Amino acid sequence: MIAITHIGLSVPDLDQAIRWYEEVLGFEKIAGPYSFDQKSENEYNMTNDLQGQEVRKMRNAHLTCGNQVGLELFEFVEPRRTQMPKGKYDGFFHLCLLVDDMEAVANRIEAAGGKKTSELWNTRKGKPYYLQYCEDPFGNILELYNKSTELMYGNKEN
């Protein structure tokens, strides 16, 4: 079996992002924030092995949501990570969230500094299966589903 345990997102301000994901989307912080400073670590350390030797300072925290999939937020302090220009999608593209009330969640995202970036779309004619794209205040694309991926796309004819 393979399952997704967590997704890692880079954000410019870890504390602000933790608050935003907790208050707006109901995530729960379960660990951190942790701080890494290369100067106070052994020459060979896990962070530099995973993230690369150029990372000198960073912070991260682990959050969780209702289905036990985690969200790990990273603030790369030194050097700062630059955000991908709009329309350039190399690697990570979006995070999709299953929500009970799409309109309410999209409105909360917008009211808390994010954006609605698409209309509400029906993905299957005759079925109540909807999606909508939004963006968090840090520029990450959030896709909202009102049904699971299995229901949205399983047994769907091309």
Protein backbone atom coordinates (compact mmCIF):
# COMPACT_ATOMS: atom_id res chain seq x y z
CA MET A 1 0.00 0.00 0.00
CA ILE A 2 1.12 3.54 -0.71
CA ALA A 3 -0.60 6.49 0.93
CA ILE A 4 0.09 10.21 1.15
CA THR A 5 1.16 11.14 4.68
CA HIS A 6 1.84 14.85 4.21
CA ILE A 7 2.51 17.65 1.74
CA GLY A 8 5.22 20.26 2.28
CA LEU A 9 4.58 23.90 1.35
CA SER A 10 7.05 26.76 1.35
CA VAL A 11 5.67 29.99 2.85
CA PRO A 12 7.30 33.39 3.44
CA ASP A 13 6.15 33.69 7.09
CA LEU A 14 5.72 30.48 9.09
CA ASP A 15 3.85 31.97 12.05
CA GLN A 16 1.38 33.79 9.79
CA ALA A 17 0.85 30.63 7.71
CA ILE A 18 0.24 28.45 10.77
CA ARG A 19 -2.39 30.91 12.03
CA TRP A 20 -4.00 31.16 8.59
CA TYR A 21 -4.28 27.39 8.04
CA GLU A 22 -5.61 26.90 11.59
CA GLU A 23 -8.10 29.77 11.63
CA VAL A 24 -9.33 29.68 8.03
CA LEU A 25 -9.22 25.97 7.14
CA GLY A 26 -9.34 24.30 10.56
CA PHE A 27 -5.94 22.58 10.43
CA GLU A 28 -4.36 21.68 13.78
CA LYS A 29 -0.69 22.22 14.59
CA ILE A 30 0.77 18.99 15.98
CA ALA A 31 4.51 19.77 16.05
CA GLY A 32 6.80 22.77 15.91
CA PRO A 33 7.68 25.34 14.96
CA TYR A 34 11.20 23.99 14.73
CA SER A 35 14.19 26.15 13.86
CA PHE A 36 17.31 25.11 11.98
CA ASP A 37 20.52 27.14 12.01
CA GLN A 38 23.39 25.53 10.13
CA LYS A 39 25.96 27.23 12.38
CA SER A 40 24.73 25.34 15.45
CA GLU A 41 24.45 21.92 13.77
CA ASN A 42 26.95 19.17 13.04
CA GLU A 43 28.62 19.49 9.65
CA TYR A 44 26.61 16.45 8.49
CA ASN A 45 22.96 16.89 9.52
CA MET A 46 19.54 15.73 8.38
CA THR A 47 18.24 19.14 7.25
CA ASN A 48 21.15 19.83 4.91
CA ASP A 49 21.08 16.24 3.66
CA LEU A 50 17.38 16.61 2.78
CA GLN A 51 17.21 20.27 1.71
CA GLY A 52 20.72 20.87 0.37
CA GLN A 53 23.84 22.50 1.77
CA GLU A 54 22.75 25.97 0.65
CA VAL A 55 20.02 26.06 3.35
CA ARG A 56 21.55 27.91 6.27
CA LYS A 57 18.40 28.82 8.27
CA MET A 58 14.86 27.54 8.09
CA ARG A 59 11.79 26.95 10.23
CA ASN A 60 9.05 24.36 9.86
CA ALA A 61 5.91 23.04 11.55
CA HIS A 62 3.57 20.09 11.08
CA LEU A 63 -0.20 20.50 10.86
CA THR A 64 -2.92 17.91 10.33
CA CYS A 65 -6.44 17.88 8.97
CA GLY A 66 -9.52 15.71 9.35
CA ASN A 67 -8.29 12.67 7.39
CA GLN A 68 -4.87 12.44 9.07
CA VAL A 69 -2.94 13.77 6.04
CA GLY A 70 -0.40 16.28 7.22
CA LEU A 71 0.68 19.67 5.96
CA GLU A 72 4.30 20.59 6.65
CA LEU A 73 4.97 24.31 6.34
CA PHE A 74 8.51 25.54 5.64
CA GLU A 75 9.91 29.05 5.96
CA PHE A 76 13.29 29.17 4.26
CA VAL A 77 14.98 32.07 6.07
CA GLU A 78 18.48 31.97 4.59
CA PRO A 79 18.48 31.96 1.65
CA ARG A 80 14.89 33.00 1.03
CA ARG A 81 13.00 30.91 -1.51
CA THR A 82 11.52 32.89 -4.35
CA GLN A 83 8.01 32.16 -5.51
CA MET A 84 7.43 30.61 -8.92
CA PRO A 85 6.10 33.19 -11.43
CA LYS A 86 2.38 32.89 -12.23
CA GLY A 87 1.75 30.44 -15.05
CA LYS A 88 5.01 28.50 -14.53
CA TYR A 89 4.27 25.12 -12.99
CA ASP A 90 7.39 23.08 -12.37
CA GLY A 91 7.00 20.53 -9.58
CA PHE A 92 4.34 21.30 -6.96
CA PHE A 93 1.21 22.74 -8.53
CA HIS A 94 -1.63 22.70 -5.99
CA LEU A 95 -3.06 21.24 -2.81
CA CYS A 96 -6.58 19.83 -3.06
CA LEU A 97 -8.82 19.90 0.03
CA LEU A 98 -12.05 17.99 0.58
CA VAL A 99 -14.52 20.40 2.22
CA ASP A 100 -18.12 20.17 3.45
CA ASP A 101 -19.31 23.58 2.26
CA MET A 102 -17.36 24.86 -0.75
CA GLU A 103 -18.98 28.29 -0.86
CA ALA A 104 -18.36 28.93 2.84
CA VAL A 105 -14.73 27.77 2.66
CA ALA A 106 -14.00 29.77 -0.52
CA ASN A 107 -15.55 32.85 1.12
CA ARG A 108 -13.45 32.31 4.29
CA ILE A 109 -10.30 32.00 2.18
CA GLU A 110 -11.13 35.25 0.39
CA ALA A 111 -12.07 37.10 3.61
CA ALA A 112 -8.78 36.04 5.22
CA GLY A 113 -6.48 37.43 2.52
CA GLY A 114 -6.63 34.63 -0.04
CA LYS A 115 -8.39 34.68 -3.41
CA LYS A 116 -10.97 32.78 -5.39
CA THR A 117 -9.21 32.20 -8.70
CA SER A 118 -11.92 30.27 -10.55
CA GLU A 119 -15.64 29.79 -10.68
CA LEU A 120 -17.35 26.82 -9.06
CA TRP A 121 -17.26 24.01 -11.65
CA ASN A 122 -19.36 20.84 -11.95
CA THR A 123 -17.10 17.96 -13.00
CA ARG A 124 -19.81 15.43 -13.92
CA LYS A 125 -23.03 16.30 -15.66
CA GLY A 126 -25.99 15.17 -13.57
CA LYS A 127 -23.91 14.62 -10.42
CA PRO A 128 -23.35 17.04 -7.51
CA TYR A 129 -19.54 16.94 -7.92
CA TYR A 130 -17.90 20.36 -7.75
CA LEU A 131 -14.47 21.94 -7.62
CA GLN A 132 -13.08 25.46 -7.31
CA TYR A 133 -9.59 26.95 -7.31
CA CYS A 134 -8.50 29.44 -4.66
CA GLU A 135 -5.15 30.78 -3.50
CA ASP A 136 -3.82 31.18 0.03
CA PRO A 137 -2.28 34.57 0.98
CA PHE A 138 1.17 33.10 0.27
CA GLY A 139 0.48 32.31 -3.40
CA ASN A 140 -0.16 28.55 -3.06
CA ILE A 141 -3.04 27.21 -5.15
CA LEU A 142 -5.76 25.47 -3.14
CA GLU A 143 -8.26 23.33 -5.02
CA LEU A 144 -11.52 22.63 -3.19
CA TYR A 145 -13.52 19.43 -3.79
CA ASN A 146 -16.90 18.63 -2.31
CA LYS A 147 -16.44 14.87 -2.91
CA SER A 148 -13.46 12.51 -2.73
CA THR A 149 -11.18 11.98 -5.73
CA GLU A 150 -12.57 8.46 -6.05
CA LEU A 151 -16.13 9.78 -6.43
CA MET A 152 -15.10 12.72 -8.63
CA TYR A 153 -13.19 10.65 -11.19
CA GLY A 154 -13.70 6.93 -10.53
CA ASN A 155 -15.74 5.09 -13.20
CA LYS A 156 -15.91 8.27 -15.25
CA GLU A 157 -16.11 7.78 -18.96
CA ASN A 158 -13.59 9.75 -21.00
